[in-house]
Amino acid sequence: MKLLDSSKIWFLDKNFKLANVETYPIENKRYKKSFIVINDDIYKIKKRNIFILYNEILGEAISEYFKLKTVKSILTTFSNINTDLDKLNLFLLTKSFIDNNKLYTNINNLNILEYFNCFEMIDSLKCYYNEDLHLFEFIDNNDLEEIKKNLKKMVIRDYITNQGDRNRNNFLFEYNNSHVKMMPLYDYEHSFMFRKYTNKFEFDPLDRDIRCHIHNDLYIQELLIKALNLNIDLIFNKILDEYHITLNKQEQENYTKILDSKKREILEYKLIK
C-alpha cells in the first residue's frame, strides 16, 4: 500500500479531549480511549495496521454502492511534524451519529423471536420493544418496508464482502413511538481476507429453504444481480480520489479473488433464478 501525498490527510491538532463515556451509550469502560471530542462532536478513533484502516474505507464505499447509509471516516494523524508518509502515525476518525436526546435499539428488540434464517427474520418484522414503556409497539408500515429493504441490502453486501463481524451492536435503529429507522452502517474491518468471526446475520447458500426464500424475493434477486455487477476496480479508484491511498497489484488481487469467489458462489449455487 502506498500513500501518494498528504493532501487528503487531516492533521489533527493535539488539543483534543477524551469523550465522556458516561454520556455515551457504551457499557464497556475499555472503550473510553476509543472516543475523542472535537468541536463538541464525538468521534470513534481507530488505530490499526493500514490494511485494516483500508478495509473500513473500502467497506464504506461498498455500502454506498448498495445505497446503504453508512458512516464516513476521515484519515488522520497526530503527527503533524513528520511529513514522511511512510512513517505517519495514521488513525481513522468516524463521527458518531448518536444523539443523546434520541432513543436507539438493536435488532434483538425488533423481534420477539429469533430465526436461523436471517431472511425469515427480516420478513417477520412487525414490532419493536420500547424499553422506556416496557412494551412492544408496531412499526409504522412505511418505516417497516424501508427497514426490511435496508436489512436485505446489508445481508447481501456483507455476503459479497465476506463480512465476519455483523453482530447485533454493529447496526442500530432509532425509534420514536411507532417510527423506527435504521442508522448508518459501520464497522467493516473484519471482512474480505481479514475476517475473524462468524457473522450472525449471514446465510447458508446451500440451505434449500434459504435458496427458496431468495428465489421468491424479487428485491433480493435485484440485490444479488447488483452484487454480481460490483466492479471493485472502480471502488479502488474512488478511494484513490478521496483519500489518495492505493494498493499494489498483489493487494488488489487479494481483494478481487475473494469478491470473485463470492460471485462464483452466487452463480454456482443458482441463487439467481
Foldseek 3Di string as FASTA:
>chain_A
DDFPFCPQAAEDEPPKAFDDVVLPPDDDPVCRNQWIADPNWIKGKDQDPPLLVVQFQLLCLLCVLLVAAAWHKGKYAPCPPDRPVVPTRIMIITTDPDDSVFDKDWPPQQDPDDDQQLLVSLVPGFWGQDPVVRGIAGADPVQSVQASLNLLLVQLSCLLFAAFDQDRVQWMWTDDHRYIHTHHGGDRSQTQPNPDHHHSNYDDLLDPVNLVVLAPDVSNLVSLVSLLVDDVVVSQVVCCVNRVDHDDPVVVVSSVVSSVVSNVSCVVSVSHD
